[in-house]
N, C-alpha and C. Protein backbone atom coordinates (compact mmCIF):
# COMPACT_ATOMS: atom_id res chain seq x y z
N MET A 1 -30.45 -153.85 -60.50
CA MET A 1 -31.05 -154.88 -61.33
C MET A 1 -29.98 -155.46 -62.25
N GLY A 2 -29.95 -156.75 -62.40
CA GLY A 2 -28.95 -157.40 -63.24
C GLY A 2 -29.30 -157.36 -64.71
N LYS A 3 -28.36 -157.83 -65.50
CA LYS A 3 -28.58 -157.90 -66.94
C LYS A 3 -29.47 -159.08 -67.27
N HIS A 4 -30.15 -159.00 -68.39
CA HIS A 4 -31.05 -160.06 -68.84
C HIS A 4 -30.36 -160.84 -69.97
N TYR A 5 -29.80 -161.99 -69.64
CA TYR A 5 -29.07 -162.80 -70.60
C TYR A 5 -30.00 -163.75 -71.34
N ARG A 6 -29.71 -163.89 -72.63
CA ARG A 6 -30.46 -164.79 -73.49
C ARG A 6 -29.48 -165.53 -74.40
N THR A 7 -29.93 -166.66 -74.93
CA THR A 7 -29.15 -167.30 -75.99
C THR A 7 -29.25 -166.41 -77.22
N ILE A 8 -28.38 -166.64 -78.18
CA ILE A 8 -28.40 -165.83 -79.39
C ILE A 8 -29.75 -165.95 -80.09
N ASP A 9 -30.26 -167.17 -80.21
CA ASP A 9 -31.55 -167.38 -80.89
C ASP A 9 -32.68 -166.64 -80.18
N LYS A 10 -32.71 -166.72 -78.85
CA LYS A 10 -33.79 -166.06 -78.10
C LYS A 10 -33.65 -164.54 -78.13
N ALA A 11 -32.42 -164.05 -78.10
CA ALA A 11 -32.20 -162.60 -78.19
C ALA A 11 -32.69 -162.09 -79.55
N ALA A 12 -32.35 -162.81 -80.61
CA ALA A 12 -32.80 -162.41 -81.95
C ALA A 12 -34.32 -162.46 -82.04
N ALA A 13 -34.94 -163.47 -81.43
CA ALA A 13 -36.39 -163.59 -81.45
C ALA A 13 -37.04 -162.42 -80.69
N GLU A 14 -36.46 -162.01 -79.57
CA GLU A 14 -37.02 -160.89 -78.82
C GLU A 14 -36.89 -159.58 -79.59
N ILE A 15 -35.77 -159.41 -80.28
CA ILE A 15 -35.60 -158.21 -81.10
C ILE A 15 -36.63 -158.20 -82.22
N LEU A 16 -36.83 -159.34 -82.85
CA LEU A 16 -37.81 -159.45 -83.93
C LEU A 16 -39.23 -159.21 -83.42
N ALA A 17 -39.55 -159.70 -82.23
CA ALA A 17 -40.88 -159.49 -81.66
C ALA A 17 -41.12 -158.01 -81.36
N ALA A 18 -40.07 -157.32 -80.91
CA ALA A 18 -40.19 -155.90 -80.59
C ALA A 18 -40.27 -155.05 -81.86
N ASP A 19 -39.59 -155.49 -82.92
CA ASP A 19 -39.58 -154.75 -84.19
C ASP A 19 -39.62 -155.75 -85.34
N PRO A 20 -40.82 -156.06 -85.84
CA PRO A 20 -40.95 -157.06 -86.91
C PRO A 20 -40.21 -156.71 -88.20
N ASN A 21 -39.87 -155.45 -88.40
CA ASN A 21 -39.17 -155.03 -89.62
C ASN A 21 -37.66 -154.89 -89.43
N THR A 22 -37.15 -155.42 -88.34
CA THR A 22 -35.72 -155.27 -88.06
C THR A 22 -34.85 -156.02 -89.05
N ALA A 23 -33.65 -155.51 -89.22
CA ALA A 23 -32.66 -156.18 -90.06
C ALA A 23 -31.69 -156.99 -89.22
N ILE A 24 -31.86 -156.98 -87.89
CA ILE A 24 -30.99 -157.73 -86.99
C ILE A 24 -31.38 -159.20 -87.04
N THR A 25 -30.42 -160.05 -87.34
CA THR A 25 -30.67 -161.49 -87.40
C THR A 25 -29.77 -162.20 -86.40
N LYS A 26 -30.05 -163.48 -86.17
CA LYS A 26 -29.19 -164.24 -85.26
C LYS A 26 -27.79 -164.38 -85.85
N TRP A 27 -27.67 -164.39 -87.17
CA TRP A 27 -26.35 -164.49 -87.80
C TRP A 27 -25.56 -163.20 -87.60
N MET A 28 -26.25 -162.06 -87.63
CA MET A 28 -25.58 -160.80 -87.36
C MET A 28 -25.09 -160.75 -85.91
N LEU A 29 -25.94 -161.21 -84.98
CA LEU A 29 -25.55 -161.25 -83.57
C LEU A 29 -24.33 -162.16 -83.39
N ARG A 30 -24.33 -163.32 -84.03
CA ARG A 30 -23.19 -164.23 -83.93
C ARG A 30 -21.91 -163.57 -84.43
N SER A 31 -22.02 -162.85 -85.52
CA SER A 31 -20.87 -162.16 -86.08
C SER A 31 -20.35 -161.09 -85.12
N LEU A 32 -21.25 -160.32 -84.51
CA LEU A 32 -20.85 -159.28 -83.57
C LEU A 32 -20.22 -159.87 -82.32
N ILE A 33 -20.69 -161.02 -81.89
CA ILE A 33 -20.11 -161.70 -80.74
C ILE A 33 -18.73 -162.24 -81.10
N ARG A 34 -18.62 -162.86 -82.27
CA ARG A 34 -17.35 -163.45 -82.70
C ARG A 34 -16.25 -162.39 -82.81
N THR A 35 -16.61 -161.19 -83.28
CA THR A 35 -15.63 -160.12 -83.43
C THR A 35 -15.40 -159.35 -82.14
N GLY A 36 -16.18 -159.65 -81.10
CA GLY A 36 -16.01 -158.98 -79.82
C GLY A 36 -16.70 -157.64 -79.71
N GLU A 37 -17.52 -157.29 -80.70
CA GLU A 37 -18.22 -156.01 -80.67
C GLU A 37 -19.34 -156.01 -79.62
N ILE A 38 -19.89 -157.18 -79.35
CA ILE A 38 -20.87 -157.35 -78.28
C ILE A 38 -20.32 -158.40 -77.32
N PRO A 39 -20.23 -158.08 -76.02
CA PRO A 39 -19.71 -159.08 -75.07
C PRO A 39 -20.69 -160.23 -74.88
N SER A 40 -20.13 -161.39 -74.57
CA SER A 40 -20.97 -162.57 -74.34
C SER A 40 -20.32 -163.44 -73.27
N VAL A 41 -21.10 -164.40 -72.80
CA VAL A 41 -20.63 -165.37 -71.82
C VAL A 41 -20.89 -166.75 -72.40
N LYS A 42 -19.90 -167.62 -72.35
CA LYS A 42 -20.11 -168.98 -72.85
C LYS A 42 -20.41 -169.91 -71.68
N ARG A 43 -21.52 -170.60 -71.77
CA ARG A 43 -21.92 -171.59 -70.77
C ARG A 43 -22.19 -172.89 -71.50
N GLY A 44 -21.34 -173.87 -71.26
CA GLY A 44 -21.46 -175.12 -71.98
C GLY A 44 -21.14 -174.87 -73.44
N ASN A 45 -22.04 -175.27 -74.32
CA ASN A 45 -21.82 -175.02 -75.75
C ASN A 45 -22.66 -173.85 -76.27
N ARG A 46 -23.21 -173.04 -75.35
CA ARG A 46 -24.04 -171.91 -75.73
C ARG A 46 -23.40 -170.59 -75.34
N TYR A 47 -23.63 -169.61 -76.19
CA TYR A 47 -23.23 -168.25 -75.86
C TYR A 47 -24.44 -167.49 -75.36
N LEU A 48 -24.26 -166.76 -74.28
CA LEU A 48 -25.32 -165.93 -73.73
C LEU A 48 -24.93 -164.47 -73.93
N VAL A 49 -25.90 -163.68 -74.30
CA VAL A 49 -25.68 -162.26 -74.55
C VAL A 49 -26.73 -161.47 -73.79
N ALA A 50 -26.32 -160.34 -73.23
CA ALA A 50 -27.24 -159.49 -72.48
C ALA A 50 -27.99 -158.58 -73.45
N LEU A 51 -29.31 -158.52 -73.30
CA LEU A 51 -30.11 -157.66 -74.16
C LEU A 51 -29.67 -156.20 -74.03
N GLU A 52 -29.26 -155.81 -72.84
CA GLU A 52 -28.80 -154.44 -72.61
C GLU A 52 -27.53 -154.13 -73.42
N ASP A 53 -26.65 -155.12 -73.57
CA ASP A 53 -25.43 -154.93 -74.35
C ASP A 53 -25.75 -154.78 -75.83
N ILE A 54 -26.74 -155.51 -76.31
CA ILE A 54 -27.17 -155.38 -77.71
C ILE A 54 -27.74 -153.98 -77.93
N GLU A 55 -28.62 -153.55 -77.02
CA GLU A 55 -29.22 -152.22 -77.14
C GLU A 55 -28.15 -151.13 -77.09
N ALA A 56 -27.17 -151.26 -76.21
CA ALA A 56 -26.10 -150.27 -76.10
C ALA A 56 -25.28 -150.23 -77.39
N TYR A 57 -24.99 -151.40 -77.96
CA TYR A 57 -24.23 -151.44 -79.21
C TYR A 57 -25.02 -150.74 -80.31
N LEU A 58 -26.30 -151.07 -80.44
CA LEU A 58 -27.11 -150.48 -81.50
C LEU A 58 -27.28 -148.98 -81.32
N ALA A 59 -27.31 -148.51 -80.09
CA ALA A 59 -27.44 -147.08 -79.82
C ALA A 59 -26.17 -146.32 -80.18
N ASN A 60 -25.02 -146.99 -80.14
CA ASN A 60 -23.74 -146.32 -80.38
C ASN A 60 -23.10 -146.62 -81.72
N VAL A 61 -23.72 -147.49 -82.50
CA VAL A 61 -23.13 -147.86 -83.79
C VAL A 61 -23.22 -146.67 -84.75
N THR A 62 -22.17 -146.50 -85.55
CA THR A 62 -22.17 -145.43 -86.55
C THR A 62 -22.27 -146.05 -87.93
N ALA A 63 -22.76 -145.30 -88.86
CA ALA A 63 -22.94 -145.78 -90.22
C ALA A 63 -21.63 -145.65 -90.99
N GLN A 64 -20.72 -146.59 -90.78
CA GLN A 64 -19.45 -146.62 -91.49
C GLN A 64 -19.33 -147.96 -92.19
N PRO A 65 -18.68 -147.96 -93.35
CA PRO A 65 -18.50 -149.23 -94.05
C PRO A 65 -17.64 -150.19 -93.23
N ARG A 66 -18.02 -151.45 -93.20
CA ARG A 66 -17.25 -152.47 -92.48
C ARG A 66 -16.44 -153.27 -93.46
N LYS A 67 -15.30 -153.73 -93.02
CA LYS A 67 -14.50 -154.63 -93.84
C LYS A 67 -14.98 -156.04 -93.61
N TYR A 68 -15.15 -156.78 -94.65
CA TYR A 68 -15.53 -158.17 -94.54
C TYR A 68 -14.50 -158.98 -95.31
N LYS A 69 -13.68 -159.71 -94.56
CA LYS A 69 -12.61 -160.52 -95.15
C LYS A 69 -11.72 -159.68 -96.08
N GLY A 70 -11.43 -158.44 -95.63
CA GLY A 70 -10.53 -157.60 -96.37
C GLY A 70 -11.16 -156.81 -97.51
N VAL A 71 -12.44 -156.99 -97.75
CA VAL A 71 -13.12 -156.30 -98.84
C VAL A 71 -14.17 -155.38 -98.25
N ARG A 72 -14.20 -154.14 -98.70
CA ARG A 72 -15.24 -153.22 -98.22
C ARG A 72 -16.55 -153.55 -98.91
N ILE A 73 -17.60 -153.59 -98.11
CA ILE A 73 -18.93 -153.84 -98.70
C ILE A 73 -19.88 -152.73 -98.32
């Protein structure tokens, strides 16, 4: 079975529908794609992301402080 690709907006909407209290937003997904933490495919002017890749990232993420523009937050 292949991966299920969605646009960033649709992927965020599916995550929100599955968990209405989620902290995952489309802006967070964009940031993770931009930094290469979640793989994506660009088609035209849209980025497509596999729901399975998002789930795998969330399953393996550790609670460590991230650097944002050189400042720890």
